[in-house]
C-alpha atoms as a PDB file:
ATOM      1  CA  UNK A   1     -17.147  15.350  25.499  1.00  0.00           C
ATOM      2  CA  UNK A   2     -16.084  11.728  25.574  1.00  0.00           C
ATOM      3  CA  UNK A   3     -12.639  11.034  26.910  1.00  0.00           C
ATOM      4  CA  UNK A   4      -9.916   9.360  24.829  1.00  0.00           C
ATOM      5  CA  UNK A   5      -9.881   6.414  27.247  1.00  0.00           C
ATOM      6  CA  UNK A   6     -13.580   5.752  26.814  1.00  0.00           C
ATOM      7  CA  UNK A   7     -13.408   6.047  23.041  1.00  0.00           C
ATOM      8  CA  UNK A   8     -10.560   3.598  22.556  1.00  0.00           C
ATOM      9  CA  UNK A   9     -12.309   0.970  24.623  1.00  0.00           C
ATOM     10  CA  UNK A  10     -14.519   0.091  21.667  1.00  0.00           C
ATOM     11  CA  UNK A  11     -13.522  -2.639  19.222  1.00  0.00           C
ATOM     12  CA  UNK A  12     -13.063  -0.129  16.410  1.00  0.00           C
ATOM     13  CA  UNK A  13     -11.827   3.438  16.554  1.00  0.00           C
ATOM     14  CA  UNK A  14     -14.608   5.913  17.203  1.00  0.00           C
ATOM     15  CA  UNK A  15     -14.978   8.072  14.102  1.00  0.00           C
ATOM     16  CA  UNK A  16     -13.793  11.653  14.175  1.00  0.00           C
ATOM     17  CA  UNK A  17     -17.337  12.998  13.886  1.00  0.00           C
ATOM     18  CA  UNK A  18     -18.024  11.739  17.409  1.00  0.00           C
ATOM     19  CA  UNK A  19     -15.095  13.738  18.702  1.00  0.00           C
ATOM     20  CA  UNK A  20     -16.209  17.182  17.560  1.00  0.00           C
ATOM     21  CA  UNK A  21     -17.855  18.384  20.742  1.00  0.00           C
ATOM     22  CA  UNK A  22     -21.577  19.074  20.767  1.00  0.00           C
ATOM     23  CA  UNK A  23     -22.592  22.584  19.818  1.00  0.00           C
ATOM     24  CA  UNK A  24     -19.106  23.756  18.910  1.00  0.00           C
ATOM     25  CA  UNK A  25     -18.900  25.638  15.631  1.00  0.00           C
ATOM     26  CA  UNK A  26     -15.471  24.192  14.944  1.00  0.00           C
ATOM     27  CA  UNK A  27     -14.104  22.215  17.849  1.00  0.00           C
ATOM     28  CA  UNK A  28     -10.753  20.435  17.793  1.00  0.00           C
ATOM     29  CA  UNK A  29     -10.753  17.200  15.822  1.00  0.00           C
ATOM     30  CA  UNK A  30      -8.555  14.203  16.613  1.00  0.00           C
ATOM     31  CA  UNK A  31      -8.028  11.796  13.721  1.00  0.00           C
ATOM     32  CA  UNK A  32      -6.831   8.233  14.181  1.00  0.00           C
ATOM     33  CA  UNK A  33      -4.343   6.965  11.594  1.00  0.00           C
ATOM     34  CA  UNK A  34      -3.720   3.222  11.461  1.00  0.00           C
ATOM     35  CA  UNK A  35      -1.214   1.225   9.422  1.00  0.00           C
ATOM     36  CA  UNK A  36       0.510  -2.169   9.477  1.00  0.00           C
ATOM     37  CA  UNK A  37       4.117  -1.007   9.348  1.00  0.00           C
ATOM     38  CA  UNK A  38       6.732  -0.643  12.103  1.00  0.00           C
ATOM     39  CA  UNK A  39       6.498   2.561  14.092  1.00  0.00           C
ATOM     40  CA  UNK A  40       9.301   5.090  14.370  1.00  0.00           C
ATOM     41  CA  UNK A  41       9.674   8.853  14.581  1.00  0.00           C
ATOM     42  CA  UNK A  42       9.048  11.670  12.152  1.00  0.00           C
ATOM     43  CA  UNK A  43      12.766  11.598  11.256  1.00  0.00           C
ATOM     44  CA  UNK A  44      13.626   7.912  11.402  1.00  0.00           C
ATOM     45  CA  UNK A  45      12.132   4.581  10.403  1.00  0.00           C
ATOM     46  CA  UNK A  46       9.842   3.198   7.706  1.00  0.00           C
ATOM     47  CA  UNK A  47       9.024   6.098   5.378  1.00  0.00           C
ATOM     48  CA  UNK A  48       5.332   5.140   5.397  1.00  0.00           C
ATOM     49  CA  UNK A  49       5.125   5.636   9.161  1.00  0.00           C
ATOM     50  CA  UNK A  50       7.116   8.852   8.798  1.00  0.00           C
ATOM     51  CA  UNK A  51       4.690  10.077   6.128  1.00  0.00           C
ATOM     52  CA  UNK A  52       1.785   9.565   8.517  1.00  0.00           C
ATOM     53  CA  UNK A  53       3.607  11.477  11.250  1.00  0.00           C
ATOM     54  CA  UNK A  54       4.504  14.304   8.867  1.00  0.00           C
ATOM     55  CA  UNK A  55       0.875  14.474   7.793  1.00  0.00           C
ATOM     56  CA  UNK A  56      -0.280  14.681  11.408  1.00  0.00           C
ATOM     57  CA  UNK A  57       2.235  17.397  12.284  1.00  0.00           C
ATOM     58  CA  UNK A  58       1.523  19.537   9.234  1.00  0.00           C
ATOM     59  CA  UNK A  59      -2.285  19.456   9.484  1.00  0.00           C
ATOM     60  CA  UNK A  60      -2.007  20.399  13.148  1.00  0.00           C
ATOM     61  CA  UNK A  61       0.287  23.283  12.289  1.00  0.00           C
ATOM     62  CA  UNK A  62      -1.849  24.616   9.441  1.00  0.00           C
ATOM     63  CA  UNK A  63      -5.079  24.293  11.396  1.00  0.00           C
ATOM     64  CA  UNK A  64      -3.658  26.087  14.415  1.00  0.00           C
ATOM     65  CA  UNK A  65      -4.202  22.956  16.496  1.00  0.00           C
ATOM     66  CA  UNK A  66      -7.814  22.439  15.396  1.00  0.00           C
ATOM     67  CA  UNK A  67      -6.865  19.132  13.739  1.00  0.00           C
ATOM     68  CA  UNK A  68      -4.613  16.644  15.477  1.00  0.00           C
ATOM     69  CA  UNK A  69      -3.898  13.001  14.722  1.00  0.00           C
ATOM     70  CA  UNK A  70      -2.754   9.919  16.586  1.00  0.00           C
ATOM     71  CA  UNK A  71      -0.681   7.251  14.811  1.00  0.00           C
ATOM     72  CA  UNK A  72      -1.225   3.541  15.422  1.00  0.00           C
ATOM     73  CA  UNK A  73       1.543   1.496  13.727  1.00  0.00           C
ATOM     74  CA  UNK A  74       1.868  -2.297  13.585  1.00  0.00           C
ATOM     75  CA  UNK A  75      -1.900  -2.733  13.123  1.00  0.00           C
ATOM     76  CA  UNK A  76      -2.140  -1.967  16.841  1.00  0.00           C
ATOM     77  CA  UNK A  77      -5.553  -0.328  16.571  1.00  0.00           C
ATOM     78  CA  UNK A  78      -7.249  -2.425  13.885  1.00  0.00           C
ATOM     79  CA  UNK A  79      -5.988  -5.596  12.215  1.00  0.00           C
ATOM     80  CA  UNK A  80      -4.400  -5.110   8.815  1.00  0.00           C
ATOM     81  CA  UNK A  81      -7.060  -6.534   6.524  1.00  0.00           C
ATOM     82  CA  UNK A  82      -9.927  -4.904   8.453  1.00  0.00           C
ATOM     83  CA  UNK A  83      -8.737  -1.318   8.010  1.00  0.00           C
ATOM     84  CA  UNK A  84     -10.328  -0.683   4.596  1.00  0.00           C
ATOM     85  CA  UNK A  85     -13.733  -1.884   5.719  1.00  0.00           C
ATOM     86  CA  UNK A  86     -13.436   0.145   8.914  1.00  0.00           C
ATOM     87  CA  UNK A  87     -12.810   3.322   6.921  1.00  0.00           C
ATOM     88  CA  UNK A  88     -15.782   2.608   4.656  1.00  0.00           C
ATOM     89  CA  UNK A  89     -17.980   2.283   7.745  1.00  0.00           C
ATOM     90  CA  UNK A  90     -16.611   5.461   9.319  1.00  0.00           C
ATOM     91  CA  UNK A  91     -15.086   3.443  12.165  1.00  0.00           C
ATOM     92  CA  UNK A  92     -11.505   4.421  11.233  1.00  0.00           C
ATOM     93  CA  UNK A  93     -10.444   7.845  10.049  1.00  0.00           C
ATOM     94  CA  UNK A  94      -7.271   7.318   8.001  1.00  0.00           C
ATOM     95  CA  UNK A  95      -4.956   4.486   6.959  1.00  0.00           C
ATOM     96  CA  UNK A  96      -1.875   4.136   4.803  1.00  0.00           C
ATOM     97  CA  UNK A  97      -3.153   1.009   3.143  1.00  0.00           C
ATOM     98  CA  UNK A  98      -2.029  -1.330   0.337  1.00  0.00           C
ATOM     99  CA  UNK A  99      -4.936  -0.929  -2.064  1.00  0.00           C
ATOM    100  CA  UNK A 100      -5.190  -4.551  -3.311  1.00  0.00           C
ATOM    101  CA  UNK A 101      -5.615  -5.787   0.261  1.00  0.00           C
ATOM    102  CA  UNK A 102      -9.195  -4.616  -0.258  1.00  0.00           C
ATOM    103  CA  UNK A 103      -9.631  -6.843  -3.306  1.00  0.00           C
ATOM    104  CA  UNK A 104     -11.746  -9.417  -1.513  1.00  0.00           C
ATOM    105  CA  UNK A 105     -14.270  -6.715  -0.603  1.00  0.00           C
ATOM    106  CA  UNK A 106     -13.956  -4.487  -3.672  1.00  0.00           C
ATOM    107  CA  UNK A 107     -12.347  -6.473  -6.533  1.00  0.00           C
ATOM    108  CA  UNK A 108     -11.659  -3.368  -8.611  1.00  0.00           C
ATOM    109  CA  UNK A 109      -8.998  -2.248  -6.094  1.00  0.00           C
ATOM    110  CA  UNK A 110      -6.720  -5.008  -7.398  1.00  0.00           C
ATOM    111  CA  UNK A 111      -5.778  -2.565 -10.156  1.00  0.00           C
ATOM    112  CA  UNK A 112      -3.330  -1.281  -7.517  1.00  0.00           C
ATOM    113  CA  UNK A 113      -1.122  -4.361  -7.932  1.00  0.00           C
ATOM    114  CA  UNK A 114      -1.640  -5.573 -11.486  1.00  0.00           C
ATOM    115  CA  UNK A 115       1.642  -7.265 -12.465  1.00  0.00           C
ATOM    116  CA  UNK A 116       3.397  -5.520 -15.314  1.00  0.00           C
ATOM    117  CA  UNK A 117       0.801  -2.758 -15.649  1.00  0.00           C
ATOM    118  CA  UNK A 118       3.004  -0.134 -13.987  1.00  0.00           C
ATOM    119  CA  UNK A 119       6.722  -0.551 -14.618  1.00  0.00           C
ATOM    120  CA  UNK A 120       8.177   2.866 -13.666  1.00  0.00           C
ATOM    121  CA  UNK A 121       7.586   5.496 -10.998  1.00  0.00           C
ATOM    122  CA  UNK A 122       6.967   8.136 -13.654  1.00  0.00           C
ATOM    123  CA  UNK A 123       4.192   6.012 -15.111  1.00  0.00           C
ATOM    124  CA  UNK A 124       2.586   5.442 -11.716  1.00  0.00           C
ATOM    125  CA  UNK A 125       2.836   9.134 -10.833  1.00  0.00           C
ATOM    126  CA  UNK A 126       1.005  10.074 -14.033  1.00  0.00           C
ATOM    127  CA  UNK A 127      -2.020   7.981 -13.004  1.00  0.00           C
ATOM    128  CA  UNK A 128      -3.250  10.682 -10.633  1.00  0.00           C
ATOM    129  CA  UNK A 129      -3.612  13.325 -13.353  1.00  0.00           C
ATOM    130  CA  UNK A 130      -4.725  10.912 -16.092  1.00  0.00           C
ATOM    131  CA  UNK A 131      -8.261   9.639 -16.754  1.00  0.00           C
ATOM    132  CA  UNK A 132      -7.474   6.432 -14.847  1.00  0.00           C
ATOM    133  CA  UNK A 133      -6.731   8.490 -11.731  1.00  0.00           C
ATOM    134  CA  UNK A 134     -10.034  10.342 -11.900  1.00  0.00           C
ATOM    135  CA  UNK A 135     -11.946   7.120 -12.595  1.00  0.00           C
ATOM    136  CA  UNK A 136     -10.273   5.323  -9.687  1.00  0.00           C
ATOM    137  CA  UNK A 137     -10.743   8.254  -7.295  1.00  0.00           C
ATOM    138  CA  UNK A 138     -14.405   8.602  -8.229  1.00  0.00           C
ATOM    139  CA  UNK A 139     -14.986   4.867  -7.854  1.00  0.00           C
ATOM    140  CA  UNK A 140     -13.363   4.763  -4.408  1.00  0.00           C
ATOM    141  CA  UNK A 141     -15.279   7.855  -3.283  1.00  0.00           C
ATOM    142  CA  UNK A 142     -18.469   6.035  -4.226  1.00  0.00           C
ATOM    143  CA  UNK A 143     -17.271   3.177  -1.990  1.00  0.00           C
ATOM    144  CA  UNK A 144     -16.592   5.549   0.915  1.00  0.00           C
ATOM    145  CA  UNK A 145     -12.854   6.197   0.502  1.00  0.00           C
ATOM    146  CA  UNK A 146     -10.922   9.406  -0.276  1.00  0.00           C
ATOM    147  CA  UNK A 147      -7.357   9.176  -1.634  1.00  0.00           C
ATOM    148  CA  UNK A 148      -5.166  11.732   0.151  1.00  0.00           C
ATOM    149  CA  UNK A 149      -1.610  10.798  -0.857  1.00  0.00           C
ATOM    150  CA  UNK A 150      -0.787   8.657  -3.894  1.00  0.00           C
ATOM    151  CA  UNK A 151       2.179   6.409  -3.089  1.00  0.00           C
ATOM    152  CA  UNK A 152       3.599   3.849  -5.515  1.00  0.00           C
ATOM    153  CA  UNK A 153       6.245   1.337  -4.447  1.00  0.00           C
ATOM    154  CA  UNK A 154       8.358  -0.969  -6.566  1.00  0.00           C
ATOM    155  CA  UNK A 155       9.041  -4.410  -5.169  1.00  0.00           C
ATOM    156  CA  UNK A 156      11.253  -7.455  -5.272  1.00  0.00           C
ATOM    157  CA  UNK A 157      11.444 -10.996  -3.965  1.00  0.00           C
ATOM    158  CA  UNK A 158      13.020 -12.397  -0.804  1.00  0.00           C
ATOM    159  CA  UNK A 159      13.662 -16.160  -0.971  1.00  0.00           C
ATOM    160  CA  UNK A 160      14.583 -18.725   1.667  1.00  0.00           C
ATOM    161  CA  UNK A 161      16.757 -20.643  -0.765  1.00  0.00           C
ATOM    162  CA  UNK A 162      17.166 -20.241  -4.536  1.00  0.00           C
ATOM    163  CA  UNK A 163      16.330 -16.947  -6.142  1.00  0.00           C
ATOM    164  CA  UNK A 164      13.040 -16.209  -7.874  1.00  0.00           C
ATOM    165  CA  UNK A 165      13.994 -14.023 -10.822  1.00  0.00           C
ATOM    166  CA  UNK A 166      12.473 -15.279 -14.090  1.00  0.00           C
ATOM    167  CA  UNK A 167       9.125 -17.064 -14.430  1.00  0.00           C
ATOM    168  CA  UNK A 168      10.828 -20.427 -14.871  1.00  0.00           C
ATOM    169  CA  UNK A 169      12.321 -20.066 -11.372  1.00  0.00           C
ATOM    170  CA  UNK A 170       8.853 -20.179  -9.767  1.00  0.00           C
ATOM    171  CA  UNK A 171       8.156 -23.845 -10.401  1.00  0.00           C
ATOM    172  CA  UNK A 172       7.657 -25.776  -7.158  1.00  0.00           C
ATOM    173  CA  UNK A 173       7.958 -22.764  -4.853  1.00  0.00           C
ATOM    174  CA  UNK A 174       5.405 -21.569  -2.299  1.00  0.00           C
ATOM    175  CA  UNK A 175       5.184 -17.837  -2.916  1.00  0.00           C
ATOM    176  CA  UNK A 176       3.389 -14.831  -1.432  1.00  0.00           C
ATOM    177  CA  UNK A 177       2.447 -12.547  -4.317  1.00  0.00           C
ATOM    178  CA  UNK A 178       0.454  -9.729  -2.712  1.00  0.00           C
ATOM    179  CA  UNK A 179      -2.689  -9.728  -4.866  1.00  0.00           C
ATOM    180  CA  UNK A 180      -5.070 -12.136  -6.564  1.00  0.00           C
ATOM    181  CA  UNK A 181      -3.657 -11.181  -9.961  1.00  0.00           C
ATOM    182  CA  UNK A 182      -0.037 -11.600  -8.901  1.00  0.00           C
ATOM    183  CA  UNK A 183      -0.945 -15.004  -7.493  1.00  0.00           C
ATOM    184  CA  UNK A 184      -2.507 -15.949 -10.824  1.00  0.00           C
ATOM    185  CA  UNK A 185       0.727 -15.095 -12.647  1.00  0.00           C
ATOM    186  CA  UNK A 186       2.803 -17.080 -10.151  1.00  0.00           C
ATOM    187  CA  UNK A 187       0.535 -20.101 -10.486  1.00  0.00           C
ATOM    188  CA  UNK A 188       0.811 -19.964 -14.262  1.00  0.00           C
ATOM    189  CA  UNK A 189       4.589 -19.993 -13.808  1.00  0.00           C
ATOM    190  CA  UNK A 190       4.324 -23.142 -11.673  1.00  0.00           C
ATOM    191  CA  UNK A 191       4.302 -21.840  -8.095  1.00  0.00           C
ATOM    192  CA  UNK A 192       1.799 -22.484  -5.335  1.00  0.00           C
ATOM    193  CA  UNK A 193       0.648 -19.347  -3.534  1.00  0.00           C
ATOM    194  CA  UNK A 194      -0.444 -18.122  -0.132  1.00  0.00           C
ATOM    195  CA  UNK A 195      -2.189 -14.903   0.823  1.00  0.00           C
ATOM    196  CA  UNK A 196      -0.854 -13.023   3.860  1.00  0.00           C
ATOM    197  CA  UNK A 197      -0.254  -9.306   4.502  1.00  0.00           C
ATOM    198  CA  UNK A 198       3.360  -8.195   4.286  1.00  0.00           C
ATOM    199  CA  UNK A 199       3.731  -7.998   8.069  1.00  0.00           C
ATOM    200  CA  UNK A 200       3.171 -11.783   8.224  1.00  0.00           C
ATOM    201  CA  UNK A 201       5.699 -12.828   5.541  1.00  0.00           C
ATOM    202  CA  UNK A 202       8.549 -13.201   8.054  1.00  0.00           C
ATOM    203  CA  UNK A 203       6.727 -15.818  10.115  1.00  0.00           C
ATOM    204  CA  UNK A 204       5.542 -17.642   6.996  1.00  0.00           C
ATOM    205  CA  UNK A 205       9.097 -17.858   5.655  1.00  0.00           C
ATOM    206  CA  UNK A 206      10.577 -18.693   9.040  1.00  0.00           C
ATOM    207  CA  UNK A 207       8.224 -21.656   9.476  1.00  0.00           C
ATOM    208  CA  UNK A 208       8.629 -22.880   5.906  1.00  0.00           C
ATOM    209  CA  UNK A 209       5.027 -22.166   4.952  1.00  0.00           C
ATOM    210  CA  UNK A 210       6.409 -19.758   2.372  1.00  0.00           C
ATOM    211  CA  UNK A 211       9.542 -20.134   0.213  1.00  0.00           C
ATOM    212  CA  UNK A 212       9.555 -16.631  -1.220  1.00  0.00           C
ATOM    213  CA  UNK A 213       7.700 -13.378  -0.714  1.00  0.00           C
ATOM    214  CA  UNK A 214       7.074 -10.546  -3.139  1.00  0.00           C
ATOM    215  CA  UNK A 215       6.716  -7.180  -1.447  1.00  0.00           C
ATOM    216  CA  UNK A 216       7.922  -3.595  -1.652  1.00  0.00           C
ATOM    217  CA  UNK A 217      11.566  -2.726  -1.112  1.00  0.00           C
ATOM    218  CA  UNK A 218      10.567  -0.864   2.045  1.00  0.00           C
ATOM    219  CA  UNK A 219       8.797  -3.908   3.485  1.00  0.00           C
ATOM    220  CA  UNK A 220      11.723  -6.128   2.485  1.00  0.00           C
ATOM    221  CA  UNK A 221      13.778  -3.930   4.823  1.00  0.00           C
ATOM    222  CA  UNK A 222      11.301  -2.975   7.552  1.00  0.00           C
ATOM    223  CA  UNK A 223      10.104  -6.521   8.202  1.00  0.00           C
ATOM    224  CA  UNK A 224      13.724  -7.793   8.373  1.00  0.00           C
ATOM    225  CA  UNK A 225      13.175 -10.507   5.775  1.00  0.00           C
ATOM    226  CA  UNK A 226      16.927 -10.646   5.190  1.00  0.00           C
ATOM    227  CA  UNK A 227      17.096 -12.643   8.436  1.00  0.00           C
ATOM    228  CA  UNK A 228      15.207 -15.541   6.817  1.00  0.00           C
ATOM    229  CA  UNK A 229      16.440 -15.140   3.231  1.00  0.00           C
ATOM    230  CA  UNK A 230      19.342 -16.411   1.162  1.00  0.00           C
ATOM    231  CA  UNK A 231      18.391 -14.627  -2.059  1.00  0.00           C
ATOM    232  CA  UNK A 232      16.992 -11.254  -3.054  1.00  0.00           C
ATOM    233  CA  UNK A 233      15.600 -10.207  -6.408  1.00  0.00           C
ATOM    234  CA  UNK A 234      15.812  -6.411  -6.524  1.00  0.00           C
ATOM    235  CA  UNK A 235      13.419  -4.207  -8.452  1.00  0.00           C
ATOM    236  CA  UNK A 236      15.645  -1.127  -8.211  1.00  0.00           C
ATOM    237  CA  UNK A 237      16.261  -0.867 -11.965  1.00  0.00           C
ATOM    238  CA  UNK A 238      13.167  -2.591 -13.342  1.00  0.00           C
ATOM    239  CA  UNK A 239      10.137  -4.263 -11.809  1.00  0.00           C
ATOM    240  CA  UNK A 240       6.862  -5.939 -12.740  1.00  0.00           C
ATOM    241  CA  UNK A 241       5.629  -5.491  -9.133  1.00  0.00           C
ATOM    242  CA  UNK A 242       4.373  -1.965  -8.382  1.00  0.00           C
ATOM    243  CA  UNK A 243       1.961  -1.477  -5.503  1.00  0.00           C
ATOM    244  CA  UNK A 244      -0.360   1.504  -5.044  1.00  0.00           C
ATOM    245  CA  UNK A 245      -0.251   2.121  -1.290  1.00  0.00           C
ATOM    246  CA  UNK A 246      -1.920   5.478  -0.641  1.00  0.00           C
ATOM    247  CA  UNK A 247      -2.892   7.399   2.440  1.00  0.00           C
ATOM    248  CA  UNK A 248      -6.682   6.938   2.479  1.00  0.00           C
ATOM    249  CA  UNK A 249      -9.446   8.572   4.488  1.00  0.00           C
ATOM    250  CA  UNK A 250     -12.980   7.609   5.350  1.00  0.00           C
ATOM    251  CA  UNK A 251     -15.267   9.716   3.127  1.00  0.00           C
ATOM    252  CA  UNK A 252     -17.958   9.928   5.781  1.00  0.00           C
ATOM    253  CA  UNK A 253     -15.440  11.367   8.246  1.00  0.00           C
ATOM    254  CA  UNK A 254     -13.991  13.712   5.618  1.00  0.00           C
ATOM    255  CA  UNK A 255     -17.417  14.962   4.535  1.00  0.00           C
ATOM    256  CA  UNK A 256     -18.339  15.792   8.132  1.00  0.00           C
ATOM    257  CA  UNK A 257     -15.356  18.125   8.566  1.00  0.00           C
ATOM    258  CA  UNK A 258     -15.554  21.885   8.012  1.00  0.00           C
ATOM    259  CA  UNK A 259     -14.503  22.986   4.507  1.00  0.00           C
ATOM    260  CA  UNK A 260     -11.316  24.665   5.720  1.00  0.00           C
ATOM    261  CA  UNK A 261     -10.266  21.430   7.456  1.00  0.00           C
ATOM    262  CA  UNK A 262     -10.964  19.456   4.290  1.00  0.00           C
ATOM    263  CA  UNK A 263      -8.823  21.854   2.281  1.00  0.00           C
ATOM    264  CA  UNK A 264      -5.913  21.513   4.707  1.00  0.00           C
ATOM    265  CA  UNK A 265      -6.082  17.720   4.683  1.00  0.00           C
ATOM    266  CA  UNK A 266      -6.184  17.522   0.877  1.00  0.00           C
ATOM    267  CA  UNK A 267      -3.354  20.030   0.453  1.00  0.00           C
ATOM    268  CA  UNK A 268      -1.044  18.319   2.932  1.00  0.00           C
ATOM    269  CA  UNK A 269      -1.815  14.907   1.490  1.00  0.00           C
ATOM    270  CA  UNK A 270      -0.910  16.017  -2.031  1.00  0.00           C
ATOM    271  CA  UNK A 271       2.275  17.749  -0.920  1.00  0.00           C
ATOM    272  CA  UNK A 272       3.547  14.544   0.723  1.00  0.00           C
ATOM    273  CA  UNK A 273       3.534  12.603  -2.553  1.00  0.00           C
ATOM    274  CA  UNK A 274       7.057  13.760  -3.414  1.00  0.00           C
ATOM    275  CA  UNK A 275       8.274  12.500  -0.028  1.00  0.00           C
ATOM    276  CA  UNK A 276       6.544   9.161  -0.614  1.00  0.00           C
ATOM    277  CA  UNK A 277       8.135   8.669  -4.002  1.00  0.00           C
ATOM    278  CA  UNK A 278      11.604   9.571  -2.729  1.00  0.00           C
ATOM    279  CA  UNK A 279      11.204   7.232   0.252  1.00  0.00           C
ATOM    280  CA  UNK A 280      10.235   4.325  -1.980  1.00  0.00           C
ATOM    281  CA  UNK A 281      13.058   4.942  -4.449  1.00  0.00           C
ATOM    282  CA  UNK A 282      15.650   5.368  -1.700  1.00  0.00           C
ATOM    283  CA  UNK A 283      14.632   1.971  -0.296  1.00  0.00           C
ATOM    284  CA  UNK A 284      14.857   0.439  -3.780  1.00  0.00           C
ATOM    285  CA  UNK A 285      18.533   1.360  -3.696  1.00  0.00           C
ATOM    286  CA  UNK A 286      19.163   0.475  -0.038  1.00  0.00           C
ATOM    287  CA  UNK A 287      17.610  -2.989  -0.042  1.00  0.00           C
ATOM    288  CA  UNK A 288      20.484  -4.607  -1.939  1.00  0.00           C
ATOM    289  CA  UNK A 289      23.096  -3.521   0.626  1.00  0.00           C
ATOM    290  CA  UNK A 290      20.903  -4.701   3.517  1.00  0.00           C
ATOM    291  CA  UNK A 291      20.647  -8.199   2.038  1.00  0.00           C
ATOM    292  CA  UNK A 292      24.286  -8.361   0.932  1.00  0.00           C
ATOM    293  CA  UNK A 293      25.384  -7.539   4.473  1.00  0.00           C
ATOM    294  CA  UNK A 294      23.217 -10.410   5.698  1.00  0.00           C
ATOM    295  CA  UNK A 295      24.950 -12.779   3.267  1.00  0.00           C
ATOM    296  CA  UNK A 296      22.178 -13.065   0.674  1.00  0.00           C
ATOM    297  CA  UNK A 297      22.764 -13.309  -3.058  1.00  0.00           C
ATOM    298  CA  UNK A 298      21.317 -10.263  -4.842  1.00  0.00           C
ATOM    299  CA  UNK A 299      20.071 -10.277  -8.446  1.00  0.00           C
ATOM    300  CA  UNK A 300      18.626  -7.250 -10.221  1.00  0.00           C
ATOM    301  CA  UNK A 301      15.678  -7.534 -12.576  1.00  0.00           C
ATOM    302  CA  UNK A 302      16.164  -6.307 -16.142  1.00  0.00           C
ATOM    303  CA  UNK A 303      13.642  -5.192 -18.754  1.00  0.00           C
ATOM    304  CA  UNK A 304      13.766  -8.481 -20.660  1.00  0.00           C
ATOM    305  CA  UNK A 305      12.822 -10.454 -17.527  1.00  0.00           C
ATOM    306  CA  UNK A 306      10.134  -7.951 -16.574  1.00  0.00           C
ATOM    307  CA  UNK A 307       8.628  -8.381 -20.039  1.00  0.00           C
ATOM    308  CA  UNK A 308       8.466 -12.165 -19.551  1.00  0.00           C
ATOM    309  CA  UNK A 309       6.357 -11.661 -16.421  1.00  0.00           C
ATOM    310  CA  UNK A 310       4.294  -8.993 -18.163  1.00  0.00           C
ATOM    311  CA  UNK A 311       3.501 -11.333 -21.055  1.00  0.00           C
ATOM    312  CA  UNK A 312       2.133 -13.936 -18.639  1.00  0.00           C
ATOM    313  CA  UNK A 313       0.152 -11.267 -16.789  1.00  0.00           C
ATOM    314  CA  UNK A 314      -1.413  -9.890 -19.951  1.00  0.00           C
ATOM    315  CA  UNK A 315      -2.681 -13.310 -20.964  1.00  0.00           C
ATOM    316  CA  UNK A 316      -3.958 -14.316 -17.530  1.00  0.00           C
ATOM    317  CA  UNK A 317      -4.394 -11.734 -14.771  1.00  0.00           C
ATOM    318  CA  UNK A 318      -5.259  -8.786 -17.003  1.00  0.00           C
ATOM    319  CA  UNK A 319      -7.910 -10.752 -18.866  1.00  0.00           C
ATOM    320  CA  UNK A 320      -9.376 -12.137 -15.655  1.00  0.00           C
ATOM    321  CA  UNK A 321      -9.522  -8.717 -14.001  1.00  0.00           C
ATOM    322  CA  UNK A 322     -10.957  -6.977 -17.045  1.00  0.00           C
ATOM    323  CA  UNK A 323     -13.775  -9.520 -17.243  1.00  0.00           C
ATOM    324  CA  UNK A 324     -14.907  -8.982 -13.645  1.00  0.00           C
ATOM    325  CA  UNK A 325     -16.934  -5.776 -13.947  1.00  0.00           C
ATOM    326  CA  UNK A 326     -17.422  -2.879 -16.359  1.00  0.00           C
ATOM    327  CA  UNK A 327     -15.539  -0.661 -13.930  1.00  0.00           C
ATOM    328  CA  UNK A 328     -12.590  -3.054 -13.852  1.00  0.00           C
ATOM    329  CA  UNK A 329     -12.501  -3.223 -17.644  1.00  0.00           C
ATOM    330  CA  UNK A 330     -12.558   0.563 -17.877  1.00  0.00           C
ATOM    331  CA  UNK A 331      -9.829   1.026 -15.263  1.00  0.00           C
ATOM    332  CA  UNK A 332      -7.604  -1.489 -17.057  1.00  0.00           C
ATOM    333  CA  UNK A 333      -8.134   0.237 -20.394  1.00  0.00           C
ATOM    334  CA  UNK A 334      -7.408   3.681 -18.971  1.00  0.00           C
ATOM    335  CA  UNK A 335      -4.331   2.428 -17.115  1.00  0.00           C
ATOM    336  CA  UNK A 336      -2.986   0.951 -20.335  1.00  0.00           C
ATOM    337  CA  UNK A 337      -3.268   4.382 -21.909  1.00  0.00           C
ATOM    338  CA  UNK A 338      -0.668   5.767 -19.458  1.00  0.00           C
ATOM    339  CA  UNK A 339       2.705   5.352 -21.143  1.00  0.00           C
ATOM    340  CA  UNK A 340       5.659   3.919 -19.253  1.00  0.00           C
END
């Protein structure tokens, strides 16, 4: 059996199937879980890292040690944007991954950050059991990805100077939106845009390459953007920015596992959704105090302002996305059927 040291020497993580042990009916399996967020412990830190650690602990417990997992935070195993492709190829087992980061490779995944499409956690949660959830899951499975834990996160805006609250505030600013469609809305409002993963917003704002960054409340905290910000727009009460950021697994790796291991992984993944929602909502409330303590001005979004952004999105980003492919058009239609 190959040693851990030899396996990690490759550029990508060796897939779990290569770690089974030749001839064993059901040998121990070690899964590698990669994500871009700061590392912590199972009890403390970014809730997304904690979710991964809870997943690893619970699958090990339920499998009697037959399944274990190693966590690689801070994109320390595979660079952020490469993780989706690596899972599709079977070169990475699992990632907690912002779905629209895959939009350049699979444009339909941008449904996971369509401005104004999801405006409440209840609405996002209902996706999984609605036709849009089945359609999205089936589509991703066809692309080599299994959704294990559905996690939605509301977001806000950190700004180096003046606040970015209403669309009219965007004019002349350089803004990180988080998806092609969000960028389209910002450009319509008069901003210029740049595309970087959330773990690179701090440097972009620090150097002046970026005036404001839209990201989840958790990332607004975890990446310490309050250190380079004078204003925060909070999405705690209302938001047009909701990101689908699930725990995903390589389908080829999943399919190669014994059925009882598959069942454990799916069960644990589903059970962690309540933790994910609570973690996101807790950070929605905490982010304001973090920025106020740092001396930033905090403004909360209201429904009227969210609707202004949504109106722009409907006329631009939604139309553009829906025209891309038949699958995109169908996903958009089905998502619109899920009431807020």
